[in-house]
Amino acid sequence: GFALSALVMAAGTIILPPVALIPICWWLEMA
């Protein structure tokens, strides 16, 4: 029920900075 954005932020920062991941996580959380 949680941890989607946290996991994406923890692992995804090797590719994109947090400020670019945050709006992406919005779409993922909404879906």
PDB file of all heavy atoms in Angstrom:
ATOM      1  N   GLY A   1       0.799  -1.220   0.000  1.00  0.00           N
ATOM      2  CA  GLY A   1       0.000   0.000   0.000  1.00  0.00           C
ATOM      3  C   GLY A   1       0.831   1.269   0.000  1.00  0.00           C
ATOM      4  O   GLY A   1       0.293   2.355  -0.120  1.00  0.00           O
ATOM      5  N   PHE A   2       2.144   1.156   0.119  1.00  0.00           N
ATOM      6  CA  PHE A   2       3.024   2.327   0.084  1.00  0.00           C
ATOM      7  C   PHE A   2       4.382   1.923  -0.454  1.00  0.00           C
ATOM      8  O   PHE A   2       4.562   0.806  -0.909  1.00  0.00           O
ATOM      9  CB  PHE A   2       3.160   2.974   1.468  1.00  0.00           C
ATOM     10  CG  PHE A   2       4.005   2.177   2.439  1.00  0.00           C
ATOM     11  CD1 PHE A   2       5.283   2.585   2.768  1.00  0.00           C
ATOM     12  CD2 PHE A   2       3.512   1.028   3.043  1.00  0.00           C
ATOM     13  CE1 PHE A   2       6.061   1.868   3.667  1.00  0.00           C
ATOM     14  CE2 PHE A   2       4.263   0.308   3.951  1.00  0.00           C
ATOM     15  CZ  PHE A   2       5.545   0.721   4.252  1.00  0.00           C
ATOM     16  N   ALA A   3       5.333   2.850  -0.447  1.00  0.00           N
ATOM     17  CA  ALA A   3       6.740   2.638  -0.814  1.00  0.00           C
ATOM     18  C   ALA A   3       7.016   2.702  -2.303  1.00  0.00           C
ATOM     19  O   ALA A   3       8.165   2.557  -2.710  1.00  0.00           O
ATOM     20  CB  ALA A   3       7.277   1.317  -0.249  1.00  0.00           C
ATOM     21  N   LEU A   4       6.017   2.967  -3.146  1.00  0.00           N
ATOM     22  CA  LEU A   4       6.273   3.077  -4.579  1.00  0.00           C
ATOM     23  C   LEU A   4       7.249   4.208  -4.890  1.00  0.00           C
ATOM     24  O   LEU A   4       8.314   4.001  -5.479  1.00  0.00           O
ATOM     25  CB  LEU A   4       4.947   3.290  -5.330  1.00  0.00           C
ATOM     26  CG  LEU A   4       5.028   3.652  -6.812  1.00  0.00           C
ATOM     27  CD1 LEU A   4       5.771   2.579  -7.587  1.00  0.00           C
ATOM     28  CD2 LEU A   4       3.639   3.859  -7.391  1.00  0.00           C
ATOM     29  N   SER A   5       6.891   5.429  -4.482  1.00  0.00           N
ATOM     30  CA  SER A   5       7.761   6.570  -4.761  1.00  0.00           C
ATOM     31  C   SER A   5       9.107   6.443  -4.057  1.00  0.00           C
ATOM     32  O   SER A   5      10.143   6.823  -4.603  1.00  0.00           O
ATOM     33  CB  SER A   5       7.076   7.870  -4.334  1.00  0.00           C
ATOM     34  OG  SER A   5       5.975   8.147  -5.161  1.00  0.00           O
ATOM     35  N   ALA A   6       9.088   5.922  -2.834  1.00  0.00           N
ATOM     36  CA  ALA A   6      10.339   5.790  -2.081  1.00  0.00           C
ATOM     37  C   ALA A   6      11.301   4.839  -2.795  1.00  0.00           C
ATOM     38  O   ALA A   6      12.506   5.098  -2.865  1.00  0.00           O
ATOM     39  CB  ALA A   6      10.055   5.281  -0.667  1.00  0.00           C
ATOM     40  N   LEU A   7      10.780   3.749  -3.319  1.00  0.00           N
ATOM     41  CA  LEU A   7      11.627   2.804  -4.051  1.00  0.00           C
ATOM     42  C   LEU A   7      12.149   3.424  -5.344  1.00  0.00           C
ATOM     43  O   LEU A   7      13.331   3.270  -5.683  1.00  0.00           O
ATOM     44  CB  LEU A   7      10.838   1.528  -4.358  1.00  0.00           C
ATOM     45  CG  LEU A   7      10.744   0.510  -3.231  1.00  0.00           C
ATOM     46  CD1 LEU A   7       9.708  -0.557  -3.564  1.00  0.00           C
ATOM     47  CD2 LEU A   7      12.097  -0.144  -2.978  1.00  0.00           C
ATOM     48  N   VAL A   8      11.275   4.103  -6.054  1.00  0.00           N
ATOM     49  CA  VAL A   8      11.697   4.743  -7.300  1.00  0.00           C
ATOM     50  C   VAL A   8      12.737   5.827  -7.021  1.00  0.00           C
ATOM     51  O   VAL A   8      13.737   5.948  -7.742  1.00  0.00           O
ATOM     52  CB  VAL A   8      10.487   5.333  -8.049  1.00  0.00           C
ATOM     53  CG1 VAL A   8      10.937   6.136  -9.273  1.00  0.00           C
ATOM     54  CG2 VAL A   8       9.540   4.217  -8.491  1.00  0.00           C
ATOM     55  N   MET A   9      12.526   6.597  -5.946  1.00  0.00           N
ATOM     56  CA  MET A   9      13.494   7.635  -5.592  1.00  0.00           C
ATOM     57  C   MET A   9      14.813   7.040  -5.148  1.00  0.00           C
ATOM     58  O   MET A   9      15.891   7.546  -5.467  1.00  0.00           O
ATOM     59  CB  MET A   9      12.932   8.524  -4.482  1.00  0.00           C
ATOM     60  CG  MET A   9      11.753   9.386  -4.886  1.00  0.00           C
ATOM     61  SD  MET A   9      12.126  10.629  -6.140  1.00  0.00           S
ATOM     62  CE  MET A   9      13.266  11.687  -5.243  1.00  0.00           C
ATOM     63  N   ALA A  10      14.757   5.950  -4.395  1.00  0.00           N
ATOM     64  CA  ALA A  10      15.986   5.330  -3.890  1.00  0.00           C
ATOM     65  C   ALA A  10      16.828   4.742  -5.011  1.00  0.00           C
ATOM     66  O   ALA A  10      18.056   4.854  -5.009  1.00  0.00           O
ATOM     67  CB  ALA A  10      15.639   4.252  -2.864  1.00  0.00           C
ATOM     68  N   ALA A  11      16.172   4.092  -5.974  1.00  0.00           N
ATOM     69  CA  ALA A  11      16.911   3.425  -7.046  1.00  0.00           C
ATOM     70  C   ALA A  11      17.057   4.298  -8.291  1.00  0.00           C
ATOM     71  O   ALA A  11      18.047   4.206  -9.014  1.00  0.00           O
ATOM     72  CB  ALA A  11      16.216   2.114  -7.413  1.00  0.00           C
ATOM     73  N   GLY A  12      16.070   5.155  -8.549  1.00  0.00           N
ATOM     74  CA  GLY A  12      16.063   5.920  -9.786  1.00  0.00           C
ATOM     75  C   GLY A  12      17.008   7.093  -9.821  1.00  0.00           C
ATOM     76  O   GLY A  12      17.290   7.632 -10.898  1.00  0.00           O
ATOM     77  N   THR A  13      17.543   7.510  -8.665  1.00  0.00           N
ATOM     78  CA  THR A  13      18.455   8.659  -8.649  1.00  0.00           C
ATOM     79  C   THR A  13      19.790   8.355  -9.314  1.00  0.00           C
ATOM     80  O   THR A  13      20.578   9.268  -9.528  1.00  0.00           O
ATOM     81  CB  THR A  13      18.714   9.141  -7.208  1.00  0.00           C
ATOM     82  OG1 THR A  13      19.045   8.033  -6.382  1.00  0.00           O
ATOM     83  CG2 THR A  13      17.497   9.849  -6.656  1.00  0.00           C
ATOM     84  N   ILE A  14      20.041   7.099  -9.644  1.00  0.00           N
ATOM     85  CA  ILE A  14      21.262   6.790 -10.398  1.00  0.00           C
ATOM     86  C   ILE A  14      21.096   7.182 -11.869  1.00  0.00           C
ATOM     87  O   ILE A  14      22.082   7.226 -12.614  1.00  0.00           O
ATOM     88  CB  ILE A  14      21.629   5.289 -10.301  1.00  0.00           C
ATOM     89  CG1 ILE A  14      20.543   4.417 -10.931  1.00  0.00           C
ATOM     90  CG2 ILE A  14      21.874   4.884  -8.860  1.00  0.00           C
ATOM     91  CD1 ILE A  14      20.882   2.943 -10.975  1.00  0.00           C
ATOM     92  N   ILE A  15      19.858   7.477 -12.273  1.00  0.00           N
ATOM     93  CA  ILE A  15      19.575   7.840 -13.665  1.00  0.00           C
ATOM     94  C   ILE A  15      19.141   9.294 -13.781  1.00  0.00           C
ATOM     95  O   ILE A  15      19.630  10.038 -14.639  1.00  0.00           O
ATOM     96  CB  ILE A  15      18.476   6.924 -14.242  1.00  0.00           C
ATOM     97  CG1 ILE A  15      18.925   5.473 -14.206  1.00  0.00           C
ATOM     98  CG2 ILE A  15      18.120   7.338 -15.674  1.00  0.00           C
ATOM     99  CD1 ILE A  15      17.841   4.486 -14.534  1.00  0.00           C
ATOM    100  N   LEU A  16      18.203   9.707 -12.917  1.00  0.00           N
ATOM    101  CA  LEU A  16      17.657  11.058 -12.965  1.00  0.00           C
ATOM    102  C   LEU A  16      17.745  11.710 -11.588  1.00  0.00           C
ATOM    103  O   LEU A  16      17.682  11.015 -10.574  1.00  0.00           O
ATOM    104  CB  LEU A  16      16.189  11.023 -13.401  1.00  0.00           C
ATOM    105  CG  LEU A  16      15.900  10.585 -14.843  1.00  0.00           C
ATOM    106  CD1 LEU A  16      14.398  10.369 -15.033  1.00  0.00           C
ATOM    107  CD2 LEU A  16      16.416  11.614 -15.843  1.00  0.00           C
ATOM    108  N   PRO A  17      17.866  13.041 -11.528  1.00  0.00           N
ATOM    109  CA  PRO A  17      17.887  13.729 -10.229  1.00  0.00           C
ATOM    110  C   PRO A  17      16.503  13.702  -9.586  1.00  0.00           C
ATOM    111  O   PRO A  17      15.488  13.535 -10.280  1.00  0.00           O
ATOM    112  CB  PRO A  17      18.297  15.155 -10.595  1.00  0.00           C
ATOM    113  CG  PRO A  17      17.848  15.320 -12.013  1.00  0.00           C
ATOM    114  CD  PRO A  17      18.036  13.972 -12.653  1.00  0.00           C
ATOM    115  N   PRO A  18      16.422  13.856  -8.263  1.00  0.00           N
ATOM    116  CA  PRO A  18      15.124  13.826  -7.578  1.00  0.00           C
ATOM    117  C   PRO A  18      14.096  14.782  -8.155  1.00  0.00           C
ATOM    118  O   PRO A  18      12.917  14.442  -8.254  1.00  0.00           O
ATOM    119  CB  PRO A  18      15.486  14.201  -6.138  1.00  0.00           C
ATOM    120  CG  PRO A  18      16.889  13.731  -5.976  1.00  0.00           C
ATOM    121  CD  PRO A  18      17.549  13.972  -7.314  1.00  0.00           C
ATOM    122  N   VAL A  19      14.512  15.991  -8.561  1.00  0.00           N
ATOM    123  CA  VAL A  19      13.558  16.967  -9.066  1.00  0.00           C
ATOM    124  C   VAL A  19      12.914  16.494 -10.364  1.00  0.00           C
ATOM    125  O   VAL A  19      11.794  16.902 -10.694  1.00  0.00           O
ATOM    126  CB  VAL A  19      14.240  18.341  -9.252  1.00  0.00           C
ATOM    127  CG1 VAL A  19      15.195  18.325 -10.434  1.00  0.00           C
ATOM    128  CG2 VAL A  19      13.204  19.450  -9.355  1.00  0.00           C
ATOM    129  N   ALA A  20      13.587  15.615 -11.124  1.00  0.00           N
ATOM    130  CA  ALA A  20      13.001  15.048 -12.340  1.00  0.00           C
ATOM    131  C   ALA A  20      12.164  13.813 -12.034  1.00  0.00           C
ATOM    132  O   ALA A  20      11.200  13.517 -12.747  1.00  0.00           O
ATOM    133  CB  ALA A  20      14.107  14.697 -13.335  1.00  0.00           C
ATOM    134  N   LEU A  21      12.517  13.096 -10.965  1.00  0.00           N
ATOM    135  CA  LEU A  21      11.771  11.895 -10.594  1.00  0.00           C
ATOM    136  C   LEU A  21      10.453  12.230  -9.900  1.00  0.00           C
ATOM    137  O   LEU A  21       9.482  11.473 -10.007  1.00  0.00           O
ATOM    138  CB  LEU A  21      12.620  11.015  -9.675  1.00  0.00           C
ATOM    139  CG  LEU A  21      13.750  10.222 -10.335  1.00  0.00           C
ATOM    140  CD1 LEU A  21      14.610   9.556  -9.263  1.00  0.00           C
ATOM    141  CD2 LEU A  21      13.209   9.161 -11.293  1.00  0.00           C
ATOM    142  N   ILE A  22      10.407  13.327  -9.180  1.00  0.00           N
ATOM    143  CA  ILE A  22       9.216  13.672  -8.392  1.00  0.00           C
ATOM    144  C   ILE A  22       7.953  13.739  -9.259  1.00  0.00           C
ATOM    145  O   ILE A  22       6.942  13.113  -8.923  1.00  0.00           O
ATOM    146  CB  ILE A  22       9.440  14.979  -7.610  1.00  0.00           C
ATOM    147  CG1 ILE A  22      10.410  14.728  -6.445  1.00  0.00           C
ATOM    148  CG2 ILE A  22       8.124  15.523  -7.074  1.00  0.00           C
ATOM    149  CD1 ILE A  22      10.852  15.988  -5.735  1.00  0.00           C
ATOM    150  N   PRO A  23       7.939  14.473 -10.392  1.00  0.00           N
ATOM    151  CA  PRO A  23       6.714  14.497 -11.198  1.00  0.00           C
ATOM    152  C   PRO A  23       6.406  13.149 -11.859  1.00  0.00           C
ATOM    153  O   PRO A  23       5.243  12.824 -12.083  1.00  0.00           O
ATOM    154  CB  PRO A  23       6.985  15.587 -12.241  1.00  0.00           C
ATOM    155  CG  PRO A  23       8.475  15.674 -12.319  1.00  0.00           C
ATOM    156  CD  PRO A  23       8.959  15.386 -10.924  1.00  0.00           C
ATOM    157  N   ILE A  24       7.446  12.367 -12.152  1.00  0.00           N
ATOM    158  CA  ILE A  24       7.225  11.019 -12.694  1.00  0.00           C
ATOM    159  C   ILE A  24       6.515  10.168 -11.651  1.00  0.00           C
ATOM    160  O   ILE A  24       5.569   9.435 -11.962  1.00  0.00           O
ATOM    161  CB  ILE A  24       8.563  10.377 -13.105  1.00  0.00           C
ATOM    162  CG1 ILE A  24       9.160  11.116 -14.307  1.00  0.00           C
ATOM    163  CG2 ILE A  24       8.383   8.892 -13.438  1.00  0.00           C
ATOM    164  CD1 ILE A  24      10.556  10.649 -14.697  1.00  0.00           C
ATOM    165  N   CYS A  25       6.977  10.277 -10.408  1.00  0.00           N
ATOM    166  CA  CYS A  25       6.344   9.522  -9.319  1.00  0.00           C
ATOM    167  C   CYS A  25       4.884   9.914  -9.150  1.00  0.00           C
ATOM    168  O   CYS A  25       4.064   9.089  -8.735  1.00  0.00           O
ATOM    169  CB  CYS A  25       7.106   9.744  -8.009  1.00  0.00           C
ATOM    170  SG  CYS A  25       8.687   8.874  -7.924  1.00  0.00           S
ATOM    171  N   TRP A  26       4.544  11.155  -9.482  1.00  0.00           N
ATOM    172  CA  TRP A  26       3.144  11.563  -9.384  1.00  0.00           C
ATOM    173  C   TRP A  26       2.278  10.699 -10.291  1.00  0.00           C
ATOM    174  O   TRP A  26       1.223  10.206  -9.878  1.00  0.00           O
ATOM    175  CB  TRP A  26       2.967  13.033  -9.772  1.00  0.00           C
ATOM    176  CG  TRP A  26       1.553  13.484  -9.608  1.00  0.00           C
ATOM    177  CD1 TRP A  26       0.979  14.018  -8.490  1.00  0.00           C
ATOM    178  CD2 TRP A  26       0.505  13.399 -10.584  1.00  0.00           C
ATOM    179  NE1 TRP A  26      -0.359  14.266  -8.709  1.00  0.00           N
ATOM    180  CE2 TRP A  26      -0.675  13.899  -9.985  1.00  0.00           C
ATOM    181  CE3 TRP A  26       0.455  12.944 -11.901  1.00  0.00           C
ATOM    182  CZ2 TRP A  26      -1.890  13.958 -10.663  1.00  0.00           C
ATOM    183  CZ3 TRP A  26      -0.763  13.001 -12.578  1.00  0.00           C
ATOM    184  CH2 TRP A  26      -1.918  13.508 -11.960  1.00  0.00           C
ATOM    185  N   TRP A  27       2.715  10.497 -11.522  1.00  0.00           N
ATOM    186  CA  TRP A  27       1.951   9.676 -12.460  1.00  0.00           C
ATOM    187  C   TRP A  27       1.862   8.230 -11.974  1.00  0.00           C
ATOM    188  O   TRP A  27       0.812   7.585 -12.095  1.00  0.00           O
ATOM    189  CB  TRP A  27       2.589   9.726 -13.847  1.00  0.00           C
ATOM    190  CG  TRP A  27       2.414  11.054 -14.520  1.00  0.00           C
ATOM    191  CD1 TRP A  27       3.324  12.070 -14.576  1.00  0.00           C
ATOM    192  CD2 TRP A  27       1.249  11.524 -15.202  1.00  0.00           C
ATOM    193  NE1 TRP A  27       2.799  13.143 -15.251  1.00  0.00           N
ATOM    194  CE2 TRP A  27       1.535  12.836 -15.648  1.00  0.00           C
ATOM    195  CE3 TRP A  27       0.004  10.973 -15.478  1.00  0.00           C
ATOM    196  CZ2 TRP A  27       0.604  13.586 -16.363  1.00  0.00           C
ATOM    197  CZ3 TRP A  27      -0.922  11.722 -16.199  1.00  0.00           C
ATOM    198  CH2 TRP A  27      -0.617  13.013 -16.628  1.00  0.00           C
ATOM    199  N   LEU A  28       2.948   7.723 -11.435  1.00  0.00           N
ATOM    200  CA  LEU A  28       2.963   6.343 -10.961  1.00  0.00           C
ATOM    201  C   LEU A  28       2.034   6.166  -9.763  1.00  0.00           C
ATOM    202  O   LEU A  28       1.276   5.186  -9.686  1.00  0.00           O
ATOM    203  CB  LEU A  28       4.390   5.924 -10.586  1.00  0.00           C
ATOM    204  CG  LEU A  28       5.478   6.141 -11.641  1.00  0.00           C
ATOM    205  CD1 LEU A  28       6.804   5.557 -11.163  1.00  0.00           C
ATOM    206  CD2 LEU A  28       5.063   5.542 -12.975  1.00  0.00           C
ATOM    207  N   GLU A  29       2.089   7.122  -8.821  1.00  0.00           N
ATOM    208  CA  GLU A  29       1.231   7.045  -7.640  1.00  0.00           C
ATOM    209  C   GLU A  29      -0.244   7.181  -8.022  1.00  0.00           C
ATOM    210  O   GLU A  29      -1.108   6.484  -7.473  1.00  0.00           O
ATOM    211  CB  GLU A  29       1.606   8.140  -6.629  1.00  0.00           C
ATOM    212  CG  GLU A  29       2.950   7.940  -5.952  1.00  0.00           C
ATOM    213  CD  GLU A  29       2.924   6.830  -4.908  1.00  0.00           C
ATOM    214  OE1 GLU A  29       1.888   6.159  -4.748  1.00  0.00           O
ATOM    215  OE2 GLU A  29       3.958   6.636  -4.262  1.00  0.00           O
ATOM    216  N   MET A  30      -0.538   8.080  -8.944  1.00  0.00           N
ATOM    217  CA  MET A  30      -1.922   8.260  -9.361  1.00  0.00           C
ATOM    218  C   MET A  30      -2.455   6.989 -10.028  1.00  0.00           C
ATOM    219  O   MET A  30      -3.585   6.543  -9.742  1.00  0.00           O
ATOM    220  CB  MET A  30      -2.044   9.449 -10.315  1.00  0.00           C
ATOM    221  CG  MET A  30      -3.455   9.688 -10.823  1.00  0.00           C
ATOM    222  SD  MET A  30      -4.692   9.924  -9.508  1.00  0.00           S
ATOM    223  CE  MET A  30      -4.303  11.591  -8.993  1.00  0.00           C
ATOM    224  N   ALA A  31      -1.654   6.397 -10.903  1.00  0.00           N
ATOM    225  CA  ALA A  31      -2.085   5.169 -11.576  1.00  0.00           C
ATOM    226  C   ALA A  31      -2.316   4.050 -10.565  1.00  0.00           C
ATOM    227  O   ALA A  31      -3.329   3.342 -10.613  1.00  0.00           O
ATOM    228  CB  ALA A  31      -1.036   4.755 -12.608  1.00  0.00           C
TER     229      ALA A  31
END
